Amino acid sequence: MMQSYGIGIDCSGFAYHILNPLIKQKIRKDLSHFLVRFSGLFGLVDKALFRTKRYQKISAAMLVSNLNTIRIDNVADIRVGDLIQMTHQGYEGKHPLVVVGVEPTFILYAHSSEYVKMNGAHFGKICLLDLSKSLDQQEWLEETSAGQNYGKNAFRVDLGDSVRRLICLKAMNV
């Protein structure tokens, strides 16, 4: 019904609504409590002024920024709750995928996108061929709407794409 009426959720809103219950369960606070848009004093003032409306000010770039996340380099270290930062060709912004499952042979992620064959919120899968190789060298099973391999097309290491872990999860060692 949502697809037929063009109703949906953007990628950052989807990622927030997937991650917020995980953060609440593990840390007992909303994700918005930990996110910052700006560094330093300006960031503290921004956080104080928008305390009650912070969930409305969250973008994909903010979710995966160095202010809110750390980079995870080893595929073997990826865990549930991590974000995979993507850069779609022809799009200036970032697109977050949320890791929702990790098994020895695959990573399951969720995202909301119009860029891939299945529009809207859905799951995707990355087969892990060799844990010693980077994520861009694994087998991405999802395709773009043009029929290209999604990982080869949108996981752009040359543009800084990587796996990111929320600092609040790293700080709590969860």
Protein backbone atom coordinates (compact mmCIF):
# COMPACT_ATOMS: atom_id res chain seq x y z
CA MET A 1 0.00 0.00 0.00
CA MET A 2 2.76 2.45 0.90
CA GLN A 3 4.58 1.88 -2.41
CA SER A 4 1.42 2.25 -4.48
CA TYR A 5 0.67 5.62 -2.82
CA GLY A 6 4.27 6.85 -2.82
CA ILE A 7 4.45 6.95 0.97
CA GLY A 8 7.73 6.09 2.63
CA ILE A 9 10.57 7.09 4.87
CA ASP A 10 13.92 8.53 3.87
CA CYS A 11 17.18 6.77 4.63
CA SER A 12 18.21 8.83 7.67
CA GLY A 13 14.76 8.60 9.27
CA PHE A 14 14.71 4.86 8.67
CA ALA A 15 18.22 4.40 10.14
CA TYR A 16 17.27 6.47 13.19
CA HIS A 17 14.11 4.43 13.83
CA ILE A 18 16.04 1.17 13.50
CA LEU A 19 18.93 2.28 15.74
CA ASN A 20 16.97 4.13 18.45
CA PRO A 21 15.42 0.98 20.04
CA LEU A 22 18.86 -0.69 20.05
CA ILE A 23 20.40 2.32 21.81
CA LYS A 24 17.50 2.49 24.28
CA GLN A 25 17.87 -1.20 25.07
CA LYS A 26 21.64 -1.04 25.58
CA ILE A 27 22.14 2.44 27.05
CA ARG A 28 18.64 3.43 28.23
CA LYS A 29 18.64 6.77 26.39
CA ASP A 30 17.39 7.94 23.00
CA LEU A 31 19.89 8.03 20.16
CA SER A 32 19.18 11.75 19.75
CA HIS A 33 20.75 12.31 23.19
CA PHE A 34 24.15 11.29 21.79
CA LEU A 35 24.12 12.82 18.30
CA VAL A 36 25.76 16.16 17.55
CA ARG A 37 25.64 18.24 14.39
CA PHE A 38 28.53 20.56 15.14
CA SER A 39 31.75 20.32 17.14
CA GLY A 40 32.81 22.46 20.07
CA LEU A 41 30.79 25.15 21.80
CA PHE A 42 28.49 25.63 18.81
CA GLY A 43 27.57 21.95 19.00
CA LEU A 44 26.73 22.21 22.70
CA VAL A 45 24.54 25.27 22.12
CA ASP A 46 22.81 23.55 19.17
CA LYS A 47 22.14 20.46 21.28
CA ALA A 48 20.70 22.55 24.14
CA LEU A 49 18.48 24.68 21.87
CA PHE A 50 17.00 21.76 19.94
CA ARG A 51 16.85 19.26 22.80
CA THR A 52 13.13 18.58 22.34
CA LYS A 53 13.20 18.42 18.52
CA ARG A 54 16.53 16.69 17.86
CA TYR A 55 14.99 13.71 16.08
CA GLN A 56 13.75 16.12 13.39
CA LYS A 57 17.24 17.45 12.67
CA ILE A 58 19.05 14.18 11.86
CA SER A 59 20.51 13.71 8.38
CA ALA A 60 22.37 10.81 6.81
CA ALA A 61 25.60 12.85 6.81
CA MET A 62 25.14 13.59 10.51
CA LEU A 63 24.57 9.93 11.36
CA VAL A 64 27.81 8.77 9.71
CA SER A 65 29.95 11.83 10.54
CA ASN A 66 33.20 11.66 12.48
CA LEU A 67 31.43 13.59 15.26
CA ASN A 68 29.08 10.66 15.90
CA THR A 69 30.86 7.56 14.63
CA ILE A 70 34.20 5.84 14.38
CA ARG A 71 35.48 3.92 11.39
CA ILE A 72 35.55 0.10 11.48
CA ASP A 73 38.19 -1.22 9.09
CA ASN A 74 38.04 -5.00 9.56
CA VAL A 75 35.09 -6.85 8.07
CA ALA A 76 35.41 -9.37 10.92
CA ASP A 77 34.72 -6.54 13.43
CA ILE A 78 31.37 -5.50 11.93
CA ARG A 79 28.44 -6.00 14.29
CA VAL A 80 24.73 -5.31 14.57
CA GLY A 81 24.06 -1.57 14.86
CA ASP A 82 26.97 -0.52 12.66
CA LEU A 83 26.29 1.78 9.72
CA ILE A 84 27.58 1.27 6.22
CA GLN A 85 28.13 4.66 4.63
CA MET A 86 27.32 4.73 0.90
CA THR A 87 27.64 7.40 -1.80
CA HIS A 88 25.30 6.88 -4.72
CA GLN A 89 26.62 8.03 -8.08
CA GLY A 90 25.14 11.36 -9.06
CA TYR A 91 24.14 12.11 -5.47
CA GLU A 92 26.20 14.44 -3.28
CA GLY A 93 25.02 13.17 0.12
CA LYS A 94 25.63 10.03 2.10
CA HIS A 95 23.30 7.06 2.44
CA PRO A 96 23.34 4.87 5.58
CA LEU A 97 22.69 1.15 5.68
CA VAL A 98 22.10 -0.35 9.13
CA VAL A 99 23.68 -3.72 9.90
CA VAL A 100 20.90 -5.88 11.38
CA GLY A 101 22.54 -9.30 11.23
CA VAL A 102 26.04 -10.72 11.14
CA GLU A 103 26.78 -14.38 10.46
CA PRO A 104 30.08 -16.07 9.57
CA THR A 105 29.17 -16.05 5.86
CA PHE A 106 27.07 -12.89 5.42
CA ILE A 107 26.05 -9.46 6.64
CA LEU A 108 22.36 -8.52 6.57
CA TYR A 109 21.56 -4.83 6.35
CA ALA A 110 18.40 -2.71 6.18
CA HIS A 111 17.87 0.60 4.45
CA SER A 112 15.33 2.74 2.65
CA SER A 113 16.20 3.74 -0.89
CA GLU A 114 14.85 4.55 -4.33
CA TYR A 115 18.25 3.83 -5.87
CA VAL A 116 17.90 0.04 -5.82
CA LYS A 117 15.47 -2.37 -7.49
CA MET A 118 13.34 -2.78 -4.36
CA ASN A 119 12.24 0.74 -3.41
CA GLY A 120 11.54 1.77 0.16
CA ALA A 121 12.55 0.06 3.37
CA HIS A 122 13.97 -3.44 2.86
CA PHE A 123 16.83 -5.83 3.61
CA GLY A 124 19.99 -6.43 1.61
CA LYS A 125 22.77 -8.97 1.95
CA ILE A 126 26.54 -9.08 1.56
CA CYS A 127 28.15 -12.51 1.24
CA LEU A 128 31.48 -12.64 3.03
CA LEU A 129 33.97 -14.30 0.72
CA ASP A 130 37.19 -13.47 2.57
CA LEU A 131 37.31 -11.72 5.97
CA SER A 132 40.85 -10.50 5.29
CA LYS A 133 39.56 -8.36 2.40
CA SER A 134 37.68 -5.08 2.66
CA LEU A 135 33.91 -4.72 2.38
CA ASP A 136 34.09 -3.51 -1.21
CA GLN A 137 35.71 -6.84 -2.16
CA GLN A 138 32.86 -8.95 -0.76
CA GLU A 139 29.84 -10.10 -2.80
CA TRP A 140 26.97 -7.59 -2.60
CA LEU A 141 23.72 -9.26 -3.67
CA GLU A 142 21.53 -6.19 -4.13
CA GLU A 143 21.19 -4.43 -7.50
CA THR A 144 20.60 -0.82 -8.41
CA SER A 145 17.44 0.13 -10.29
CA ALA A 146 19.63 0.10 -13.45
CA GLY A 147 20.66 -3.52 -12.78
CA GLN A 148 24.19 -2.80 -11.57
CA ASN A 149 25.77 -4.34 -8.48
CA TYR A 150 24.84 -2.04 -5.60
CA GLY A 151 28.08 -2.45 -3.65
CA LYS A 152 30.32 -1.91 -6.66
CA ASN A 153 28.24 1.09 -7.69
CA ALA A 154 27.55 2.89 -4.40
CA PHE A 155 30.14 1.76 -1.81
CA ARG A 156 32.75 4.33 -2.83
CA VAL A 157 35.94 3.90 -0.82
CA ASP A 158 37.48 6.68 -2.95
CA LEU A 159 34.82 9.05 -1.54
CA GLY A 160 35.33 7.95 2.07
CA ASP A 161 32.64 5.29 2.33
CA SER A 162 33.23 2.85 5.15
CA VAL A 163 31.63 0.98 8.01
CA ARG A 164 30.91 3.31 10.93
CA ARG A 165 30.07 2.55 14.58
CA LEU A 166 28.17 5.03 16.73
CA ILE A 167 30.48 6.50 19.36
CA CYS A 168 27.87 5.93 22.05
CA LEU A 169 28.01 2.18 21.32
CA LYS A 170 31.81 2.18 21.24
CA ALA A 171 32.03 4.23 24.44
CA MET A 172 29.70 1.81 26.24
CA ASN A 173 31.59 -1.12 24.69
CA VAL A 174 28.32 -2.68 23.48
